[in-house]
C-alpha atoms as a PDB file:
ATOM      1  CA  MET A   1      -1.904 -10.825   1.996  1.00  0.00           C
ATOM      2  CA  HIS A   2      -5.336  -9.189   1.895  1.00  0.00           C
ATOM      3  CA  GLY A   3      -8.635  -9.599   0.080  1.00  0.00           C
ATOM      4  CA  ARG A   4     -10.012 -12.570  -1.838  1.00  0.00           C
ATOM      5  CA  LYS A   5      -6.560 -13.907  -2.877  1.00  0.00           C
ATOM      6  CA  GLY A   6      -5.353 -13.719   0.720  1.00  0.00           C
ATOM      7  CA  LEU A   7      -8.422 -15.678   1.937  1.00  0.00           C
ATOM      8  CA  LEU A   8      -7.895 -18.230  -0.797  1.00  0.00           C
ATOM      9  CA  VAL A   9      -4.252 -18.835   0.174  1.00  0.00           C
ATOM     10  CA  GLU A  10      -5.201 -18.934   3.869  1.00  0.00           C
ATOM     11  CA  THR A  11      -7.870 -21.511   3.112  1.00  0.00           C
ATOM     12  CA  LEU A  12      -5.494 -23.606   1.053  1.00  0.00           C
ATOM     13  CA  ARG A  13      -3.103 -23.631   4.067  1.00  0.00           C
ATOM     14  CA  VAL A  14      -5.895 -24.642   6.399  1.00  0.00           C
ATOM     15  CA  LEU A  15      -6.945 -27.424   3.967  1.00  0.00           C
ATOM     16  CA  ARG A  16      -3.283 -28.617   3.711  1.00  0.00           C
ATOM     17  CA  ASP A  17      -2.849 -28.661   7.472  1.00  0.00           C
ATOM     18  CA  HIS A  18      -6.060 -30.709   8.012  1.00  0.00           C
ATOM     19  CA  GLU A  19      -5.264 -32.978   5.109  1.00  0.00           C
ATOM     20  CA  GLU A  20      -1.898 -33.844   6.559  1.00  0.00           C
ATOM     21  CA  VAL A  21      -3.491 -35.345   9.658  1.00  0.00           C
ATOM     22  CA  ALA A  22      -6.640 -36.720   7.900  1.00  0.00           C
ATOM     23  CA  GLU A  23      -6.776 -40.492   8.178  1.00  0.00           C
ATOM     24  CA  HIS A  24      -7.763 -41.062   4.585  1.00  0.00           C
ATOM     25  CA  GLY A  25      -6.281 -37.940   2.906  1.00  0.00           C
ATOM     26  CA  TRP A  26      -9.618 -36.110   2.655  1.00  0.00           C
ATOM     27  CA  VAL A  27     -10.700 -33.211   4.852  1.00  0.00           C
ATOM     28  CA  LEU A  28     -14.267 -33.723   6.073  1.00  0.00           C
ATOM     29  CA  PHE A  29     -16.962 -31.081   6.468  1.00  0.00           C
ATOM     30  CA  GLY A  30     -16.702 -30.686  10.231  1.00  0.00           C
ATOM     31  CA  ALA A  31     -12.876 -30.140  10.212  1.00  0.00           C
ATOM     32  CA  LEU A  32     -13.130 -26.706   8.667  1.00  0.00           C
ATOM     33  CA  ARG A  33     -14.739 -23.519   9.795  1.00  0.00           C
ATOM     34  CA  PRO A  34     -17.924 -22.621   7.871  1.00  0.00           C
ATOM     35  CA  HIS A  35     -16.361 -19.641   6.084  1.00  0.00           C
ATOM     36  CA  HIS A  36     -13.639 -21.938   4.631  1.00  0.00           C
ATOM     37  CA  HIS A  37     -16.147 -24.133   2.794  1.00  0.00           C
ATOM     38  CA  LYS A  38     -17.147 -21.469   0.276  1.00  0.00           C
ATOM     39  CA  THR A  39     -13.514 -20.637  -0.402  1.00  0.00           C
ATOM     40  CA  VAL A  40     -12.633 -24.303  -0.792  1.00  0.00           C
ATOM     41  CA  ASP A  41     -15.515 -24.534  -3.355  1.00  0.00           C
ATOM     42  CA  MET A  42     -13.992 -21.540  -5.132  1.00  0.00           C
ATOM     43  CA  ALA A  43     -10.541 -23.169  -5.093  1.00  0.00           C
ATOM     44  CA  ALA A  44     -12.046 -26.308  -6.533  1.00  0.00           C
ATOM     45  CA  GLY A  45     -13.422 -24.250  -9.350  1.00  0.00           C
ATOM     46  CA  GLN A  46      -9.879 -23.003 -10.071  1.00  0.00           C
ATOM     47  CA  GLY A  47      -8.403 -26.504  -9.946  1.00  0.00           C
ATOM     48  CA  LEU A  48      -6.572 -25.857  -6.670  1.00  0.00           C
ATOM     49  CA  ALA A  49      -8.715 -28.208  -4.605  1.00  0.00           C
ATOM     50  CA  GLU A  50     -10.771 -31.368  -5.326  1.00  0.00           C
ATOM     51  CA  LEU A  51     -14.209 -32.060  -3.912  1.00  0.00           C
ATOM     52  CA  ALA A  52     -15.074 -35.669  -3.227  1.00  0.00           C
ATOM     53  CA  GLY A  53     -17.541 -37.097  -5.727  1.00  0.00           C
ATOM     54  CA  ARG A  54     -20.459 -39.400  -4.804  1.00  0.00           C
ATOM     55  CA  ASP A  55     -18.405 -42.635  -4.899  1.00  0.00           C
ATOM     56  CA  MET A  56     -15.583 -41.187  -2.776  1.00  0.00           C
ATOM     57  CA  ARG A  57     -18.107 -39.734  -0.249  1.00  0.00           C
ATOM     58  CA  ALA A  58     -19.708 -43.266  -0.022  1.00  0.00           C
ATOM     59  CA  GLU A  59     -16.284 -44.798   0.565  1.00  0.00           C
ATOM     60  CA  LEU A  60     -15.407 -42.209   3.187  1.00  0.00           C
ATOM     61  CA  SER A  61     -18.830 -42.742   4.852  1.00  0.00           C
ATOM     62  CA  ALA A  62     -18.009 -46.475   5.171  1.00  0.00           C
ATOM     63  CA  TYR A  63     -14.639 -45.623   6.784  1.00  0.00           C
ATOM     64  CA  GLU A  64     -16.141 -43.080   9.106  1.00  0.00           C
ATOM     65  CA  GLY A  65     -19.262 -45.140  10.037  1.00  0.00           C
ATOM     66  CA  ARG A  66     -21.429 -42.050   9.369  1.00  0.00           C
ATOM     67  CA  PRO A  67     -22.595 -40.118   6.283  1.00  0.00           C
ATOM     68  CA  VAL A  68     -19.955 -37.901   4.680  1.00  0.00           C
ATOM     69  CA  VAL A  69     -21.729 -35.124   2.745  1.00  0.00           C
ATOM     70  CA  TRP A  70     -18.634 -33.102   1.853  1.00  0.00           C
ATOM     71  CA  ALA A  71     -14.921 -33.777   1.649  1.00  0.00           C
ATOM     72  CA  ALA A  72     -12.074 -31.934  -0.056  1.00  0.00           C
ATOM     73  CA  ARG A  73      -8.318 -32.127  -0.622  1.00  0.00           C
ATOM     74  CA  LEU A  74      -5.696 -30.111  -2.428  1.00  0.00           C
ATOM     75  CA  THR A  75      -4.720 -30.822  -5.960  1.00  0.00           C
ATOM     76  CA  GLY A  76      -1.055 -30.689  -7.127  1.00  0.00           C
ATOM     77  CA  HIS A  77      -1.726 -27.133  -8.432  1.00  0.00           C
ATOM     78  CA  GLY A  78      -2.999 -26.114  -4.989  1.00  0.00           C
ATOM     79  CA  ARG A  79       0.132 -27.448  -3.351  1.00  0.00           C
ATOM     80  CA  ASP A  80       2.281 -25.628  -5.952  1.00  0.00           C
ATOM     81  CA  VAL A  81       0.460 -22.368  -5.172  1.00  0.00           C
ATOM     82  CA  LEU A  82       1.215 -22.771  -1.473  1.00  0.00           C
ATOM     83  CA  ASP A  83       4.824 -23.743  -2.082  1.00  0.00           C
ATOM     84  CA  TYR A  84       5.328 -20.810  -4.380  1.00  0.00           C
ATOM     85  CA  THR A  85       3.498 -18.311  -2.179  1.00  0.00           C
ATOM     86  CA  GLU A  86       5.359 -19.385   0.950  1.00  0.00           C
ATOM     87  CA  ALA A  87       8.745 -19.171  -0.806  1.00  0.00           C
ATOM     88  CA  SER A  88       8.066 -15.762  -2.348  1.00  0.00           C
ATOM     89  CA  PRO A  89       8.458 -12.439  -0.612  1.00  0.00           C
ATOM     90  CA  ALA A  90       5.205 -10.656  -0.131  1.00  0.00           C
ATOM     91  CA  PRO A  91       4.696  -8.292  -3.103  1.00  0.00           C
ATOM     92  CA  ASP A  92       3.497  -5.386  -0.968  1.00  0.00           C
ATOM     93  CA  ARG A  93       6.250  -5.709   1.664  1.00  0.00           C
ATOM     94  CA  ARG A  94       8.713  -2.856   1.731  1.00  0.00           C
ATOM     95  CA  PRO A  95      12.353  -3.824   1.190  1.00  0.00           C
ATOM     96  CA  ASP A  96      14.329  -4.478   4.325  1.00  0.00           C
ATOM     97  CA  GLU A  97      16.957  -1.897   5.277  1.00  0.00           C
ATOM     98  CA  PRO A  98      20.481  -2.648   4.136  1.00  0.00           C
ATOM     99  CA  VAL A  99      22.856  -3.996   6.753  1.00  0.00           C
ATOM    100  CA  ASP A 100      26.390  -2.563   7.259  1.00  0.00           C
ATOM    101  CA  GLY A 101      28.405  -2.945   4.124  1.00  0.00           C
ATOM    102  CA  GLU A 102      25.376  -3.221   1.800  1.00  0.00           C
ATOM    103  CA  GLN A 103      24.227  -0.746  -0.738  1.00  0.00           C
ATOM    104  CA  LEU A 104      20.784  -0.249  -2.276  1.00  0.00           C
ATOM    105  CA  VAL A 105      20.739  -1.386  -5.906  1.00  0.00           C
ATOM    106  CA  GLU A 106      17.778  -0.816  -8.173  1.00  0.00           C
ATOM    107  CA  LEU A 107      17.600  -2.885 -11.355  1.00  0.00           C
ATOM    108  CA  ARG A 108      15.337  -2.630 -14.370  1.00  0.00           C
ATOM    109  CA  ARG A 109      13.613  -5.681 -15.754  1.00  0.00           C
ATOM    110  CA  SER A 110      16.190  -6.463 -18.469  1.00  0.00           C
ATOM    111  CA  GLU A 111      18.965  -6.053 -15.917  1.00  0.00           C
ATOM    112  CA  MET A 112      17.198  -8.339 -13.491  1.00  0.00           C
ATOM    113  CA  ASP A 113      16.769 -10.912 -16.273  1.00  0.00           C
ATOM    114  CA  ALA A 114      20.452 -10.865 -17.123  1.00  0.00           C
ATOM    115  CA  LEU A 115      21.349 -11.187 -13.434  1.00  0.00           C
ATOM    116  CA  ARG A 116      18.968 -14.104 -13.006  1.00  0.00           C
ATOM    117  CA  LEU A 117      20.593 -15.928 -15.929  1.00  0.00           C
ATOM    118  CA  TYR A 118      24.049 -15.286 -14.460  1.00  0.00           C
ATOM    119  CA  VAL A 119      22.962 -16.652 -11.066  1.00  0.00           C
ATOM    120  CA  HIS A 120      21.283 -19.633 -12.728  1.00  0.00           C
ATOM    121  CA  LEU A 121      24.458 -20.568 -14.521  1.00  0.00           C
ATOM    122  CA  GLY A 122      26.328 -20.218 -11.201  1.00  0.00           C
ATOM    123  CA  ALA A 123      28.887 -22.952 -10.697  1.00  0.00           C
ATOM    124  CA  ARG A 124      29.081 -23.668 -14.446  1.00  0.00           C
ATOM    125  CA  LEU A 125      30.956 -20.379 -14.882  1.00  0.00           C
ATOM    126  CA  ARG A 126      34.624 -19.858 -14.312  1.00  0.00           C
ATOM    127  CA  THR A 127      33.771 -16.723 -12.380  1.00  0.00           C
ATOM    128  CA  PRO A 128      30.703 -17.708 -10.359  1.00  0.00           C
ATOM    129  CA  PRO A 129      28.429 -15.221  -8.495  1.00  0.00           C
ATOM    130  CA  ALA A 130      29.629 -13.849  -5.183  1.00  0.00           C
ATOM    131  CA  ASP A 131      28.504 -15.658  -2.077  1.00  0.00           C
ATOM    132  CA  GLY A 132      24.936 -14.848  -1.162  1.00  0.00           C
ATOM    133  CA  LEU A 133      24.029 -13.243  -4.512  1.00  0.00           C
ATOM    134  CA  GLU A 134      21.716 -16.091  -5.514  1.00  0.00           C
ATOM    135  CA  GLU A 135      19.654 -15.591  -2.356  1.00  0.00           C
ATOM    136  CA  LYS A 136      19.581 -11.823  -2.866  1.00  0.00           C
ATOM    137  CA  VAL A 137      18.265 -12.295  -6.371  1.00  0.00           C
ATOM    138  CA  ARG A 138      15.671 -14.804  -5.251  1.00  0.00           C
ATOM    139  CA  THR A 139      14.336 -12.481  -2.521  1.00  0.00           C
ATOM    140  CA  ALA A 140      14.603  -9.250  -4.459  1.00  0.00           C
ATOM    141  CA  ARG A 141      11.559  -6.981  -4.096  1.00  0.00           C
ATOM    142  CA  HIS A 142       9.718  -5.704  -7.092  1.00  0.00           C
ATOM    143  CA  LEU A 143       8.521  -2.099  -6.657  1.00  0.00           C
ATOM    144  CA  GLY A 144       7.019  -0.379  -9.655  1.00  0.00           C
ATOM    145  CA  ASN A 145       9.343  -0.804 -12.589  1.00  0.00           C
ATOM    146  CA  LEU A 146      12.393  -1.657 -10.446  1.00  0.00           C
ATOM    147  CA  TRP A 147      13.802  -4.644  -8.527  1.00  0.00           C
ATOM    148  CA  ILE A 148      15.267  -3.661  -5.163  1.00  0.00           C
ATOM    149  CA  LEU A 149      18.348  -5.482  -3.802  1.00  0.00           C
ATOM    150  CA  HIS A 150      20.754  -4.694  -0.979  1.00  0.00           C
ATOM    151  CA  LEU A 151      24.144  -5.942  -2.007  1.00  0.00           C
ATOM    152  CA  ASN A 152      27.688  -5.979  -0.590  1.00  0.00           C
ATOM    153  CA  GLU A 153      30.715  -4.957  -2.553  1.00  0.00           C
ATOM    154  CA  ALA A 154      31.509  -8.456  -3.831  1.00  0.00           C
ATOM    155  CA  GLN A 155      27.927  -8.951  -4.944  1.00  0.00           C
ATOM    156  CA  ILE A 156      27.886  -5.616  -6.751  1.00  0.00           C
ATOM    157  CA  GLU A 157      31.067  -6.632  -8.580  1.00  0.00           C
ATOM    158  CA  SER A 158      29.326  -9.871  -9.578  1.00  0.00           C
ATOM    159  CA  VAL A 159      26.407  -7.896 -10.933  1.00  0.00           C
ATOM    160  CA  ALA A 160      28.888  -5.843 -13.011  1.00  0.00           C
ATOM    161  CA  TYR A 161      30.373  -9.090 -14.274  1.00  0.00           C
ATOM    162  CA  ALA A 162      26.915 -10.457 -15.230  1.00  0.00           C
ATOM    163  CA  PHE A 163      26.307  -7.309 -17.229  1.00  0.00           C
ATOM    164  CA  TYR A 164      29.775  -7.574 -18.848  1.00  0.00           C
ATOM    165  CA  LEU A 165      28.798 -11.093 -19.992  1.00  0.00           C
ATOM    166  CA  ARG A 166      25.586  -9.782 -21.431  1.00  0.00           C
ATOM    167  CA  SER A 167      27.390  -6.930 -23.209  1.00  0.00           C
ATOM    168  CA  ALA A 168      29.930  -9.356 -24.721  1.00  0.00           C
ATOM    169  CA  GLY A 169      27.064 -11.390 -26.139  1.00  0.00           C
ATOM    170  CA  GLY A 170      24.801  -8.558 -27.204  1.00  0.00           C
ATOM    171  CA  SER A 171      23.367  -5.609 -25.265  1.00  0.00           C
ATOM    172  CA  ALA A 172      25.684  -3.176 -23.450  1.00  0.00           C
ATOM    173  CA  ALA A 173      22.799  -1.097 -22.107  1.00  0.00           C
ATOM    174  CA  GLU A 174      22.698  -2.884 -18.749  1.00  0.00           C
ATOM    175  CA  ALA A 175      26.504  -2.653 -18.201  1.00  0.00           C
ATOM    176  CA  ASN A 176      26.554   1.029 -19.253  1.00  0.00           C
ATOM    177  CA  ARG A 177      23.653   2.067 -16.954  1.00  0.00           C
ATOM    178  CA  PHE A 178      25.062   0.027 -13.984  1.00  0.00           C
ATOM    179  CA  GLY A 179      28.411   1.690 -14.502  1.00  0.00           C
ATOM    180  CA  ARG A 180      26.908   5.169 -14.542  1.00  0.00           C
ATOM    181  CA  GLU A 181      24.615   4.554 -11.531  1.00  0.00           C
ATOM    182  CA  TYR A 182      26.891   2.510  -9.260  1.00  0.00           C
ATOM    183  CA  GLY A 183      30.433   3.354 -10.567  1.00  0.00           C
ATOM    184  CA  VAL A 184      31.267  -0.334 -11.111  1.00  0.00           C
ATOM    185  CA  THR A 185      32.178  -1.761 -14.550  1.00  0.00           C
ATOM    186  CA  PHE A 186      33.909  -5.020 -15.141  1.00  0.00           C
ATOM    187  CA  ARG A 187      36.980  -4.880 -17.335  1.00  0.00           C
ATOM    188  CA  PRO A 188      38.847  -8.117 -18.181  1.00  0.00           C
ATOM    189  CA  SER A 189      42.605  -8.083 -17.522  1.00  0.00           C
ATOM    190  CA  GLY A 190      44.594  -6.517 -20.331  1.00  0.00           C
ATOM    191  CA  ARG A 191      41.977  -3.849 -21.231  1.00  0.00           C
END
């Protein structure tokens, strides 16, 4: 992560790490490096961090036995940004190379939306997604107008099934393109 957003996320991480060991849940001025203070102020302006007000600084001063002129902590939104960022693949990272038995699959937005719904329904379906497909969908890379996945044969068949479900309930465009591009189309028994 680069630039201003990268610095913001890095500062949120530093703030979180210091907050976890802070005795009273507030990170005091001396705990952070000087360049982090400005970014914490910016994060506070975005609702990602909270700066201690006068009353809280007075309370912290009493606990510390010295004047506290600045203190900060993450808000719930700041914690969510960190959790989300740390769980997400980096947007500028190139897709990993497929391992043996996997094939590169490129999906358009509507196709990825249909696949996400199928994976979300998961165990509720009589024909659930293939093992590992949920993780592949969660970690898919977005490059330009396409989502990039590396899938094994069973996962590709699950994608075809997801598009079959979508075609039965409405749009056949996803199933038709997938069949043309990857040669896999789900056909129920008896057809």
